[in-house]
Amino acid sequence: MDSGIVYAFDIFGTAIFAITGAVTGVRHRLDFLGVIVFAITVGCGGGMLRDVLLDIHPIAVFSDNAYVFVCIAMGIIVFVISPKAVGRWYIIQYLDAIGLGVFTALGCLKAQMIGLGAIGVITSGVFGAVGGGVLRDVFSHEIPMVFTSDFYASASILGGLLFVIMSGLGADEDAYMYSTAIFTALLRMLGYHFRWKLPVARMVGDDRI
């Protein structure tokens, strides 16, 4: 895949996740600086974790100011329009699904480019996709969504599996890149809409269904 397209994907995913981070900051009644910090943390966190795991140096966020500038811009926009937009949480969930799909595909592609096997490719996709959200939830004193939410990390794992299968079958690189992003995002949206959940372990004396 053309490096310019990969870069555009990375910036786009960063912007989407920065929006969700900024919205979380507004919902927790943070001040302007707090909202910007959340935007940067969520927008850049997953990509930084991915690059560290893949031993990619320098880390993209530190070598290209565009990532942080995009996050700051998204944070300012959310802060300004928050009275009209932040209450519509379902929109943010769908935006988060798009970011999840984009970063899953990017993480898989970057791992494949340095020669990792199937497990490494899928793991890179998942860590890149959920890393920022985990930091967001930890900063918000919440149990990370990846452990509790409806088909969040599961969607990323299945998207990574699709990437590996299509790559192994010799599909065009653009085809499995876009397919992974779309498939993962759709799974996450469907999981949110239909409230899909993985089974939860029951304890002795637990009568909950």
N, C-alpha and C. Protein backbone atom coordinates (compact mmCIF):
# COMPACT_ATOMS: atom_id res chain seq x y z
N MET A 1 0.85 -1.20 0.00
CA MET A 1 0.00 0.00 0.00
C MET A 1 0.88 1.24 0.00
N ASP A 2 0.46 2.25 -0.74
CA ASP A 2 1.21 3.49 -0.83
C ASP A 2 1.39 4.12 0.55
N SER A 3 2.62 4.57 0.84
CA SER A 3 2.92 5.12 2.17
C SER A 3 2.08 6.36 2.48
N GLY A 4 1.72 7.13 1.44
CA GLY A 4 0.88 8.30 1.66
C GLY A 4 -0.50 7.92 2.15
N ILE A 5 -1.05 6.82 1.63
CA ILE A 5 -2.36 6.35 2.06
C ILE A 5 -2.29 5.84 3.50
N VAL A 6 -1.22 5.12 3.81
CA VAL A 6 -1.04 4.62 5.18
C VAL A 6 -0.97 5.78 6.16
N TYR A 7 -0.23 6.81 5.79
CA TYR A 7 -0.10 7.99 6.65
C TYR A 7 -1.45 8.68 6.83
N ALA A 8 -2.20 8.81 5.74
CA ALA A 8 -3.53 9.43 5.82
C ALA A 8 -4.45 8.63 6.74
N PHE A 9 -4.37 7.30 6.64
CA PHE A 9 -5.15 6.43 7.52
C PHE A 9 -4.79 6.69 8.97
N ASP A 10 -3.50 6.80 9.24
CA ASP A 10 -3.01 7.00 10.60
C ASP A 10 -3.51 8.32 11.17
N ILE A 11 -3.43 9.38 10.38
CA ILE A 11 -3.90 10.69 10.82
C ILE A 11 -5.41 10.68 11.03
N PHE A 12 -6.13 10.02 10.11
CA PHE A 12 -7.59 9.94 10.23
C PHE A 12 -8.00 9.20 11.51
N GLY A 13 -7.38 8.05 11.76
CA GLY A 13 -7.69 7.30 12.97
C GLY A 13 -7.34 8.09 14.22
N THR A 14 -6.22 8.80 14.18
CA THR A 14 -5.83 9.64 15.31
C THR A 14 -6.87 10.71 15.59
N ALA A 15 -7.38 11.34 14.54
CA ALA A 15 -8.39 12.38 14.70
C ALA A 15 -9.68 11.82 15.31
N ILE A 16 -10.10 10.65 14.84
CA ILE A 16 -11.33 10.03 15.35
C ILE A 16 -11.20 9.72 16.83
N PHE A 17 -10.09 9.10 17.21
CA PHE A 17 -9.90 8.75 18.61
C PHE A 17 -9.71 10.00 19.48
N ALA A 18 -9.10 11.04 18.92
CA ALA A 18 -8.94 12.29 19.66
C ALA A 18 -10.31 12.88 20.00
N ILE A 19 -11.25 12.77 19.08
CA ILE A 19 -12.60 13.26 19.33
C ILE A 19 -13.24 12.52 20.49
N THR A 20 -13.11 11.18 20.48
CA THR A 20 -13.72 10.40 21.57
C THR A 20 -13.07 10.71 22.90
N GLY A 21 -11.75 10.95 22.88
CA GLY A 21 -11.07 11.31 24.12
C GLY A 21 -11.52 12.67 24.63
N ALA A 22 -11.64 13.64 23.74
CA ALA A 22 -12.08 14.97 24.14
C ALA A 22 -13.51 14.93 24.68
N VAL A 23 -14.37 14.15 24.07
CA VAL A 23 -15.75 14.03 24.54
C VAL A 23 -15.78 13.45 25.96
N THR A 24 -14.94 12.45 26.20
CA THR A 24 -14.86 11.87 27.54
C THR A 24 -14.43 12.93 28.54
N GLY A 25 -13.47 13.76 28.16
CA GLY A 25 -13.03 14.83 29.04
C GLY A 25 -14.14 15.81 29.35
N VAL A 26 -14.93 16.18 28.35
CA VAL A 26 -16.05 17.09 28.56
C VAL A 26 -17.09 16.46 29.46
N ARG A 27 -17.40 15.18 29.24
CA ARG A 27 -18.40 14.48 30.04
C ARG A 27 -17.98 14.36 31.51
N HIS A 28 -16.67 14.38 31.76
CA HIS A 28 -16.18 14.34 33.14
C HIS A 28 -15.93 15.74 33.69
N ARG A 29 -16.42 16.74 32.99
CA ARG A 29 -16.37 18.14 33.43
C ARG A 29 -14.94 18.63 33.64
N LEU A 30 -14.03 18.22 32.75
CA LEU A 30 -12.66 18.72 32.83
C LEU A 30 -12.58 20.12 32.24
N ASP A 31 -11.54 20.85 32.61
CA ASP A 31 -11.35 22.17 32.03
C ASP A 31 -10.74 22.03 30.64
N PHE A 32 -10.45 23.18 30.02
CA PHE A 32 -9.97 23.17 28.63
C PHE A 32 -8.70 22.33 28.47
N LEU A 33 -7.74 22.52 29.40
CA LEU A 33 -6.49 21.76 29.30
C LEU A 33 -6.76 20.26 29.46
N GLY A 34 -7.63 19.91 30.38
CA GLY A 34 -7.96 18.50 30.59
C GLY A 34 -8.54 17.85 29.36
N VAL A 35 -9.41 18.57 28.66
CA VAL A 35 -10.02 18.05 27.44
C VAL A 35 -8.95 17.82 26.37
N ILE A 36 -8.02 18.77 26.24
CA ILE A 36 -6.95 18.64 25.26
C ILE A 36 -6.05 17.45 25.61
N VAL A 37 -5.73 17.29 26.89
CA VAL A 37 -4.88 16.17 27.31
C VAL A 37 -5.56 14.84 26.99
N PHE A 38 -6.85 14.75 27.24
CA PHE A 38 -7.58 13.53 26.92
C PHE A 38 -7.57 13.27 25.41
N ALA A 39 -7.74 14.33 24.64
CA ALA A 39 -7.73 14.18 23.18
C ALA A 39 -6.39 13.63 22.71
N ILE A 40 -5.30 14.17 23.22
CA ILE A 40 -3.96 13.72 22.83
C ILE A 40 -3.70 12.30 23.32
N THR A 41 -4.10 12.01 24.55
CA THR A 41 -3.86 10.69 25.13
C THR A 41 -4.54 9.59 24.33
N VAL A 42 -5.82 9.80 24.03
CA VAL A 42 -6.57 8.77 23.31
C VAL A 42 -6.18 8.74 21.83
N GLY A 43 -5.97 9.92 21.25
CA GLY A 43 -5.62 9.97 19.84
C GLY A 43 -4.26 9.36 19.53
N CYS A 44 -3.30 9.55 20.43
CA CYS A 44 -1.93 9.10 20.17
C CYS A 44 -1.53 7.84 20.94
N GLY A 45 -2.27 7.52 22.00
CA GLY A 45 -1.86 6.43 22.89
C GLY A 45 -1.72 5.09 22.21
N GLY A 46 -2.73 4.71 21.42
CA GLY A 46 -2.69 3.41 20.77
C GLY A 46 -1.55 3.29 19.77
N GLY A 47 -1.33 4.34 18.98
CA GLY A 47 -0.24 4.33 18.01
C GLY A 47 1.12 4.27 18.67
N MET A 48 1.28 4.97 19.79
CA MET A 48 2.55 4.93 20.52
C MET A 48 2.81 3.53 21.07
N LEU A 49 1.77 2.93 21.66
CA LEU A 49 1.93 1.57 22.20
C LEU A 49 2.28 0.59 21.08
N ARG A 50 1.62 0.73 19.95
CA ARG A 50 1.90 -0.15 18.80
C ARG A 50 3.34 -0.01 18.35
N ASP A 51 3.82 1.22 18.21
CA ASP A 51 5.19 1.44 17.73
C ASP A 51 6.22 0.93 18.73
N VAL A 52 5.94 1.08 20.02
CA VAL A 52 6.86 0.57 21.04
C VAL A 52 6.94 -0.95 20.96
N LEU A 53 5.79 -1.60 20.85
CA LEU A 53 5.76 -3.06 20.78
C LEU A 53 6.48 -3.58 19.54
N LEU A 54 6.35 -2.85 18.44
CA LEU A 54 6.98 -3.27 17.19
C LEU A 54 8.43 -2.79 17.07
N ASP A 55 8.90 -2.06 18.09
CA ASP A 55 10.26 -1.53 18.10
C ASP A 55 10.51 -0.64 16.90
N ILE A 56 9.51 0.20 16.58
CA ILE A 56 9.63 1.17 15.49
C ILE A 56 10.15 2.48 16.06
N HIS A 57 11.29 2.91 15.57
CA HIS A 57 11.90 4.14 16.05
C HIS A 57 12.27 5.03 14.88
N PRO A 58 12.11 6.36 15.04
CA PRO A 58 11.47 6.99 16.18
C PRO A 58 9.96 6.77 16.16
N ILE A 59 9.33 6.84 17.32
CA ILE A 59 7.87 6.70 17.41
C ILE A 59 7.23 7.84 16.62
N ALA A 60 6.25 7.51 15.82
CA ALA A 60 5.66 8.47 14.88
C ALA A 60 5.21 9.76 15.56
N VAL A 61 4.58 9.63 16.72
CA VAL A 61 4.06 10.82 17.42
C VAL A 61 5.17 11.79 17.77
N PHE A 62 6.37 11.27 18.08
CA PHE A 62 7.48 12.12 18.50
C PHE A 62 8.25 12.69 17.31
N SER A 63 8.10 12.09 16.16
CA SER A 63 8.86 12.55 15.00
C SER A 63 8.03 13.39 14.04
N ASP A 64 6.72 13.36 14.21
CA ASP A 64 5.83 14.12 13.31
C ASP A 64 4.83 14.89 14.15
N ASN A 65 4.95 16.20 14.17
CA ASN A 65 4.09 17.04 15.00
C ASN A 65 2.62 17.00 14.58
N ALA A 66 2.35 16.54 13.36
CA ALA A 66 0.97 16.55 12.86
C ALA A 66 0.03 15.76 13.76
N TYR A 67 0.51 14.67 14.35
CA TYR A 67 -0.36 13.85 15.20
C TYR A 67 -0.89 14.65 16.39
N VAL A 68 0.00 15.31 17.08
CA VAL A 68 -0.41 16.09 18.26
C VAL A 68 -1.24 17.29 17.83
N PHE A 69 -0.86 17.95 16.74
CA PHE A 69 -1.62 19.11 16.28
C PHE A 69 -3.05 18.72 15.91
N VAL A 70 -3.21 17.57 15.28
CA VAL A 70 -4.55 17.09 14.93
C VAL A 70 -5.36 16.84 16.20
N CYS A 71 -4.74 16.24 17.20
CA CYS A 71 -5.44 15.98 18.46
C CYS A 71 -5.86 17.27 19.15
N ILE A 72 -4.96 18.24 19.15
CA ILE A 72 -5.29 19.53 19.76
C ILE A 72 -6.45 20.18 19.03
N ALA A 73 -6.42 20.14 17.70
CA ALA A 73 -7.50 20.74 16.91
C ALA A 73 -8.84 20.06 17.21
N MET A 74 -8.84 18.73 17.28
CA MET A 74 -10.07 18.00 17.59
C MET A 74 -10.57 18.32 18.99
N GLY A 75 -9.62 18.45 19.94
CA GLY A 75 -10.00 18.79 21.30
C GLY A 75 -10.65 20.16 21.39
N ILE A 76 -10.09 21.13 20.66
CA ILE A 76 -10.66 22.48 20.66
C ILE A 76 -12.05 22.47 20.05
N ILE A 77 -12.21 21.76 18.94
CA ILE A 77 -13.52 21.71 18.28
C ILE A 77 -14.56 21.10 19.21
N VAL A 78 -14.22 19.98 19.83
CA VAL A 78 -15.17 19.34 20.75
C VAL A 78 -15.50 20.26 21.92
N PHE A 79 -14.49 20.93 22.46
CA PHE A 79 -14.73 21.84 23.59
C PHE A 79 -15.70 22.95 23.20
N VAL A 80 -15.54 23.47 22.00
CA VAL A 80 -16.38 24.59 21.55
C VAL A 80 -17.81 24.14 21.26
N ILE A 81 -17.97 22.99 20.62
CA ILE A 81 -19.31 22.55 20.21
C ILE A 81 -19.95 21.62 21.24
N SER A 82 -19.30 21.41 22.37
CA SER A 82 -19.80 20.44 23.35
C SER A 82 -21.24 20.65 23.80
N PRO A 83 -21.74 21.89 23.95
CA PRO A 83 -23.13 22.03 24.38
C PRO A 83 -24.14 21.39 23.42
N LYS A 84 -23.77 21.27 22.15
CA LYS A 84 -24.70 20.72 21.17
C LYS A 84 -24.43 19.26 20.83
N ALA A 85 -23.21 18.81 21.04
CA ALA A 85 -22.83 17.50 20.51
C ALA A 85 -22.58 16.41 21.54
N VAL A 86 -22.06 16.77 22.69
CA VAL A 86 -21.57 15.75 23.61
C VAL A 86 -22.68 14.87 24.16
N GLY A 87 -23.89 15.40 24.27
CA GLY A 87 -24.99 14.60 24.79
C GLY A 87 -25.38 13.45 23.87
N ARG A 88 -24.97 13.51 22.62
CA ARG A 88 -25.33 12.46 21.66
C ARG A 88 -24.27 11.37 21.68
N TRP A 89 -24.25 10.61 22.75
CA TRP A 89 -23.20 9.63 22.98
C TRP A 89 -23.15 8.56 21.90
N TYR A 90 -24.32 8.20 21.33
CA TYR A 90 -24.33 7.14 20.33
C TYR A 90 -23.48 7.51 19.12
N ILE A 91 -23.43 8.79 18.78
CA ILE A 91 -22.60 9.22 17.65
C ILE A 91 -21.12 8.97 17.97
N ILE A 92 -20.74 9.25 19.19
CA ILE A 92 -19.35 9.05 19.60
C ILE A 92 -19.00 7.56 19.56
N GLN A 93 -19.94 6.70 19.94
CA GLN A 93 -19.68 5.27 19.90
C GLN A 93 -19.41 4.80 18.47
N TYR A 94 -20.16 5.33 17.52
CA TYR A 94 -19.95 4.94 16.13
C TYR A 94 -18.63 5.50 15.60
N LEU A 95 -18.27 6.71 16.01
CA LEU A 95 -16.97 7.26 15.64
C LEU A 95 -15.85 6.39 16.22
N ASP A 96 -16.03 5.96 17.46
CA ASP A 96 -15.04 5.11 18.10
C ASP A 96 -14.88 3.79 17.34
N ALA A 97 -15.98 3.28 16.79
CA ALA A 97 -15.93 2.05 16.00
C ALA A 97 -15.10 2.25 14.74
N ILE A 98 -15.23 3.41 14.12
CA ILE A 98 -14.44 3.70 12.92
C ILE A 98 -12.95 3.76 13.27
N GLY A 99 -12.64 4.44 14.37
CA GLY A 99 -11.25 4.50 14.81
C GLY A 99 -10.70 3.12 15.13
N LEU A 100 -11.52 2.29 15.75
CA LEU A 100 -11.10 0.92 16.07
C LEU A 100 -10.74 0.16 14.80
N GLY A 101 -11.58 0.29 13.77
CA GLY A 101 -11.32 -0.40 12.51
C GLY A 101 -10.05 0.09 11.84
N VAL A 102 -9.87 1.40 11.80
CA VAL A 102 -8.70 1.98 11.13
C VAL A 102 -7.40 1.55 11.83
N PHE A 103 -7.37 1.64 13.16
CA PHE A 103 -6.15 1.31 13.87
C PHE A 103 -5.88 -0.19 13.92
N THR A 104 -6.93 -1.01 13.87
CA THR A 104 -6.72 -2.45 13.77
C THR A 104 -6.01 -2.78 12.46
N ALA A 105 -6.52 -2.22 11.36
CA ALA A 105 -5.91 -2.47 10.05
C ALA A 105 -4.48 -1.95 9.99
N LEU A 106 -4.25 -0.75 10.53
CA LEU A 106 -2.90 -0.17 10.51
C LEU A 106 -1.92 -0.99 11.33
N GLY A 107 -2.36 -1.40 12.51
CA GLY A 107 -1.47 -2.18 13.36
C GLY A 107 -1.09 -3.50 12.71
N CYS A 108 -2.07 -4.13 12.07
CA CYS A 108 -1.79 -5.39 11.36
C CYS A 108 -0.81 -5.16 10.22
N LEU A 109 -1.03 -4.10 9.45
CA LEU A 109 -0.17 -3.83 8.31
C LEU A 109 1.26 -3.55 8.74
N LYS A 110 1.44 -2.74 9.78
CA LYS A 110 2.79 -2.40 10.23
C LYS A 110 3.53 -3.64 10.74
N ALA A 111 2.80 -4.53 11.42
CA ALA A 111 3.44 -5.76 11.90
C ALA A 111 3.82 -6.66 10.74
N GLN A 112 2.96 -6.72 9.73
CA GLN A 112 3.25 -7.54 8.56
C GLN A 112 4.46 -7.00 7.81
N MET A 113 4.59 -5.68 7.75
CA MET A 113 5.69 -5.05 7.01
C MET A 113 7.06 -5.38 7.61
N ILE A 114 7.09 -5.67 8.92
CA ILE A 114 8.39 -6.00 9.52
C ILE A 114 8.55 -7.51 9.68
N GLY A 115 7.63 -8.26 9.08
CA GLY A 115 7.82 -9.71 9.00
C GLY A 115 7.29 -10.54 10.14
N LEU A 116 6.39 -10.00 10.98
CA LEU A 116 5.84 -10.79 12.08
C LEU A 116 4.86 -11.84 11.56
N GLY A 117 4.67 -12.89 12.35
CA GLY A 117 3.73 -13.94 12.01
C GLY A 117 2.30 -13.56 12.36
N ALA A 118 1.40 -14.50 12.20
CA ALA A 118 -0.03 -14.24 12.37
C ALA A 118 -0.36 -13.70 13.77
N ILE A 119 0.19 -14.33 14.81
CA ILE A 119 -0.10 -13.88 16.17
C ILE A 119 0.40 -12.46 16.39
N GLY A 120 1.60 -12.18 15.92
CA GLY A 120 2.15 -10.84 16.06
C GLY A 120 1.34 -9.80 15.31
N VAL A 121 0.87 -10.15 14.12
CA VAL A 121 0.06 -9.23 13.32
C VAL A 121 -1.25 -8.90 14.03
N ILE A 122 -1.94 -9.93 14.52
CA ILE A 122 -3.22 -9.71 15.20
C ILE A 122 -3.02 -8.93 16.50
N THR A 123 -1.98 -9.29 17.25
CA THR A 123 -1.71 -8.61 18.52
C THR A 123 -1.40 -7.13 18.29
N SER A 124 -0.61 -6.85 17.27
CA SER A 124 -0.28 -5.46 16.95
C SER A 124 -1.54 -4.68 16.59
N GLY A 125 -2.43 -5.29 15.82
CA GLY A 125 -3.67 -4.63 15.45
C GLY A 125 -4.53 -4.32 16.66
N VAL A 126 -4.63 -5.28 17.57
CA VAL A 126 -5.48 -5.09 18.76
C VAL A 126 -4.88 -4.04 19.69
N PHE A 127 -3.59 -4.12 19.97
CA PHE A 127 -2.97 -3.18 20.90
C PHE A 127 -3.03 -1.75 20.35
N GLY A 128 -2.80 -1.61 19.05
CA GLY A 128 -2.88 -0.28 18.46
C GLY A 128 -4.29 0.28 18.50
N ALA A 129 -5.29 -0.61 18.38
CA ALA A 129 -6.68 -0.16 18.33
C ALA A 129 -7.25 0.17 19.70
N VAL A 130 -6.88 -0.59 20.73
CA VAL A 130 -7.53 -0.40 22.03
C VAL A 130 -6.67 0.37 23.03
N GLY A 131 -5.38 0.58 22.71
CA GLY A 131 -4.47 1.20 23.67
C GLY A 131 -4.92 2.56 24.16
N GLY A 132 -5.31 3.43 23.23
CA GLY A 132 -5.75 4.78 23.62
C GLY A 132 -7.00 4.75 24.47
N GLY A 133 -7.94 3.86 24.12
CA GLY A 133 -9.17 3.76 24.90
C GLY A 133 -8.93 3.25 26.31
N VAL A 134 -7.97 2.34 26.46
CA VAL A 134 -7.64 1.84 27.80
C VAL A 134 -7.09 2.98 28.66
N LEU A 135 -6.20 3.79 28.09
CA LEU A 135 -5.67 4.94 28.83
C LEU A 135 -6.78 5.92 29.19
N ARG A 136 -7.69 6.15 28.26
CA ARG A 136 -8.82 7.05 28.51
C ARG A 136 -9.64 6.58 29.70
N ASP A 137 -9.94 5.28 29.74
CA ASP A 137 -10.78 4.74 30.81
C ASP A 137 -10.05 4.73 32.14
N VAL A 138 -8.74 4.43 32.11
CA VAL A 138 -7.96 4.45 33.35
C VAL A 138 -7.91 5.86 33.92
N PHE A 139 -7.67 6.84 33.08
CA PHE A 139 -7.64 8.23 33.52
C PHE A 139 -9.00 8.66 34.07
N SER A 140 -10.07 8.04 33.58
CA SER A 140 -11.44 8.39 34.01
C SER A 140 -11.88 7.57 35.22
N HIS A 141 -10.99 6.75 35.76
CA HIS A 141 -11.29 5.88 36.90
C HIS A 141 -12.42 4.91 36.56
N GLU A 142 -12.38 4.37 35.35
CA GLU A 142 -13.38 3.40 34.92
C GLU A 142 -12.68 2.10 34.53
N ILE A 143 -13.42 0.98 34.64
CA ILE A 143 -12.89 -0.28 34.15
C ILE A 143 -12.77 -0.16 32.63
N PRO A 144 -11.60 -0.43 32.05
CA PRO A 144 -11.43 -0.26 30.61
C PRO A 144 -12.51 -0.97 29.80
N MET A 145 -13.03 -0.27 28.81
CA MET A 145 -14.09 -0.79 27.97
C MET A 145 -13.71 -2.12 27.32
N VAL A 146 -12.43 -2.29 27.08
CA VAL A 146 -11.96 -3.50 26.41
C VAL A 146 -12.31 -4.75 27.22
N PHE A 147 -12.48 -4.61 28.55
CA PHE A 147 -12.79 -5.75 29.40
C PHE A 147 -14.28 -5.94 29.64
N THR A 148 -15.07 -4.92 29.37
CA THR A 148 -16.47 -4.99 29.76
C THR A 148 -17.47 -4.75 28.64
N SER A 149 -17.04 -4.10 27.56
CA SER A 149 -17.99 -3.60 26.59
C SER A 149 -18.39 -4.66 25.58
N ASP A 150 -19.43 -4.28 24.83
CA ASP A 150 -20.03 -5.16 23.86
C ASP A 150 -19.18 -5.25 22.59
N PHE A 151 -18.42 -6.33 22.50
CA PHE A 151 -17.68 -6.63 21.29
C PHE A 151 -16.72 -5.51 20.89
N TYR A 152 -15.83 -5.17 21.76
CA TYR A 152 -14.85 -4.13 21.47
C TYR A 152 -13.52 -4.75 21.04
N ALA A 153 -12.80 -5.33 21.98
CA ALA A 153 -11.56 -6.00 21.61
C ALA A 153 -11.84 -7.20 20.72
N SER A 154 -12.98 -7.85 20.94
CA SER A 154 -13.34 -9.02 20.12
C SER A 154 -13.45 -8.64 18.65
N ALA A 155 -14.02 -7.47 18.38
CA ALA A 155 -14.14 -7.01 17.00
C ALA A 155 -12.77 -6.79 16.38
N SER A 156 -11.85 -6.24 17.17
CA SER A 156 -10.49 -6.00 16.67
C SER A 156 -9.76 -7.32 16.41
N ILE A 157 -9.94 -8.29 17.30
CA ILE A 157 -9.30 -9.59 17.10
C ILE A 157 -9.81 -10.26 15.83
N LEU A 158 -11.11 -10.23 15.63
CA LEU A 158 -11.69 -10.86 14.44
C LEU A 158 -11.27 -10.11 13.17
N GLY A 159 -11.16 -8.78 13.28
CA GLY A 159 -10.66 -8.01 12.15
C GLY A 159 -9.23 -8.39 11.80
N GLY A 160 -8.40 -8.55 12.83
CA GLY A 160 -7.02 -8.98 12.59
C GLY A 160 -6.95 -10.37 11.97
N LEU A 161 -7.86 -11.24 12.39
CA LEU A 161 -7.92 -12.59 11.81
C LEU A 161 -8.28 -12.52 10.33
N LEU A 162 -9.23 -11.65 9.99
CA LEU A 162 -9.58 -11.47 8.58
C LEU A 162 -8.38 -10.98 7.79
N PHE A 163 -7.62 -10.04 8.36
CA PHE A 163 -6.42 -9.52 7.71
C PHE A 163 -5.45 -10.66 7.40
N VAL A 164 -5.21 -11.51 8.38
CA VAL A 164 -4.27 -12.62 8.21
C VAL A 164 -4.75 -13.60 7.14
N ILE A 165 -6.04 -13.91 7.17
CA ILE A 165 -6.59 -14.87 6.21
C ILE A 165 -6.50 -14.32 4.78
N MET A 166 -6.93 -13.07 4.59
CA MET A 166 -6.90 -12.49 3.26
C MET A 166 -5.47 -12.34 2.75
N SER A 167 -4.56 -11.98 3.65
CA SER A 167 -3.16 -11.86 3.27
C SER A 167 -2.59 -13.21 2.86
N GLY A 168 -2.95 -14.24 3.64
CA GLY A 168 -2.47 -15.58 3.34
C GLY A 168 -3.00 -16.13 2.03
N LEU A 169 -4.20 -15.67 1.65
CA LEU A 169 -4.79 -16.12 0.39
C LEU A 169 -4.27 -15.35 -0.82
N GLY A 170 -3.39 -14.39 -0.55
CA GLY A 170 -2.79 -13.64 -1.64
C GLY A 170 -3.63 -12.50 -2.17
N ALA A 171 -4.56 -12.00 -1.35
CA ALA A 171 -5.40 -10.87 -1.78
C ALA A 171 -4.55 -9.62 -1.94
N ASP A 172 -5.07 -8.69 -2.70
CA ASP A 172 -4.40 -7.40 -2.88
C ASP A 172 -4.28 -6.69 -1.54
N GLU A 173 -3.14 -6.06 -1.30
CA GLU A 173 -2.89 -5.41 -0.01
C GLU A 173 -3.92 -4.35 0.31
N ASP A 174 -4.29 -3.54 -0.67
CA ASP A 174 -5.32 -2.53 -0.45
C ASP A 174 -6.64 -3.18 -0.05
N ALA A 175 -6.95 -4.31 -0.68
CA ALA A 175 -8.23 -4.98 -0.43
C ALA A 175 -8.32 -5.45 1.02
N TYR A 176 -7.25 -6.12 1.53
CA TYR A 176 -7.39 -6.61 2.90
C TYR A 176 -7.19 -5.52 3.94
N MET A 177 -6.53 -4.44 3.55
CA MET A 177 -6.42 -3.30 4.46
C MET A 177 -7.79 -2.65 4.68
N TYR A 178 -8.45 -2.32 3.58
CA TYR A 178 -9.77 -1.69 3.68
C TYR A 178 -10.80 -2.65 4.24
N SER A 179 -10.73 -3.91 3.86
CA SER A 179 -11.70 -4.90 4.34
C SER A 179 -11.59 -5.06 5.85
N THR A 180 -10.37 -5.09 6.36
CA THR A 180 -10.17 -5.22 7.81
C THR A 180 -10.75 -4.03 8.55
N ALA A 181 -10.48 -2.82 8.07
CA ALA A 181 -10.99 -1.62 8.72
C ALA A 181 -12.52 -1.60 8.73
N ILE A 182 -13.12 -1.90 7.59
CA ILE A 182 -14.59 -1.86 7.48
C ILE A 182 -15.23 -2.97 8.30
N PHE A 183 -14.68 -4.18 8.19
CA PHE A 183 -15.22 -5.33 8.91
C PHE A 183 -15.18 -5.09 10.43
N THR A 184 -14.04 -4.62 10.93
CA THR A 184 -13.90 -4.37 12.36
C THR A 184 -14.87 -3.29 12.83
N ALA A 185 -14.96 -2.20 12.08
CA ALA A 185 -15.86 -1.12 12.46
C ALA A 185 -17.31 -1.59 12.47
N LEU A 186 -17.70 -2.35 11.46
CA LEU A 186 -19.09 -2.84 11.40
C LEU A 186 -19.39 -3.78 12.56
N LEU A 187 -18.45 -4.67 12.88
CA LEU A 187 -18.66 -5.57 14.01
C LEU A 187 -18.87 -4.78 15.30
N ARG A 188 -18.03 -3.76 15.49
CA ARG A 188 -18.15 -2.95 16.71
C ARG A 188 -19.50 -2.22 16.74
N MET A 189 -19.92 -1.67 15.60
CA MET A 189 -21.21 -0.97 15.54
C MET A 189 -22.37 -1.91 15.83
N LEU A 190 -22.31 -3.11 15.24
CA LEU A 190 -23.36 -4.09 15.48
C LEU A 190 -23.36 -4.55 16.94
N GLY A 191 -22.16 -4.73 17.49
CA GLY A 191 -22.07 -5.11 18.89
C GLY A 191 -22.66 -4.06 19.80
N TYR A 192 -22.41 -2.78 19.49
CA TYR A 192 -22.97 -1.70 20.29
C TYR A 192 -24.49 -1.64 20.13
N HIS A 193 -24.97 -1.77 18.89
CA HIS A 193 -26.40 -1.65 18.62
C HIS A 193 -27.20 -2.79 19.25
N PHE A 194 -26.69 -4.01 19.10
CA PHE A 194 -27.42 -5.18 19.59
C PHE A 194 -26.96 -5.63 20.98
N ARG A 195 -26.00 -4.89 21.55
CA ARG A 195 -25.49 -5.18 22.89
C ARG A 195 -24.95 -6.60 23.01
N TRP A 196 -24.14 -6.98 22.02
CA TRP A 196 -23.49 -8.29 22.08
C TRP A 196 -22.47 -8.29 23.21
N LYS A 197 -22.42 -9.36 23.95
CA LYS A 197 -21.45 -9.50 25.03
C LYS A 197 -20.93 -10.92 25.06
N LEU A 198 -19.68 -11.07 25.45
CA LEU A 198 -19.12 -12.39 25.67
C LEU A 198 -19.62 -12.93 27.00
N PRO A 199 -19.63 -14.25 27.17
CA PRO A 199 -20.09 -14.83 28.45
C PRO A 199 -19.24 -14.32 29.61
N VAL A 200 -19.88 -14.15 30.75
CA VAL A 200 -19.20 -13.72 31.97
C VAL A 200 -19.19 -14.88 32.95
N ALA A 201 -18.05 -15.15 33.57
CA ALA A 201 -17.95 -16.25 34.53
C ALA A 201 -18.88 -16.02 35.71
N ARG A 202 -19.52 -17.10 36.15
CA ARG A 202 -20.40 -17.03 37.31
C ARG A 202 -19.72 -17.62 38.52
N MET A 203 -20.07 -17.11 39.69
CA MET A 203 -19.52 -17.60 40.96
C MET A 203 -20.57 -18.38 41.71
N VAL A 204 -20.14 -19.12 42.70
CA VAL A 204 -21.06 -19.86 43.54
C VAL A 204 -22.01 -18.89 44.23
N GLY A 205 -23.30 -19.17 44.15
CA GLY A 205 -24.29 -18.30 44.77
C GLY A 205 -24.69 -17.12 43.91
N ASP A 206 -24.13 -17.00 42.71
CA ASP A 206 -24.47 -15.91 41.79
C ASP A 206 -25.68 -16.32 40.99
N ASP A 207 -26.82 -15.67 41.23
CA ASP A 207 -28.08 -16.01 40.55
C ASP A 207 -28.34 -15.16 39.33
N ARG A 208 -27.40 -14.26 38.99
CA ARG A 208 -27.63 -13.41 37.83
C ARG A 208 -27.54 -14.23 36.55
N ILE A 209 -28.33 -13.88 35.56
CA ILE A 209 -28.34 -14.56 34.27
C ILE A 209 -27.35 -13.88 33.35
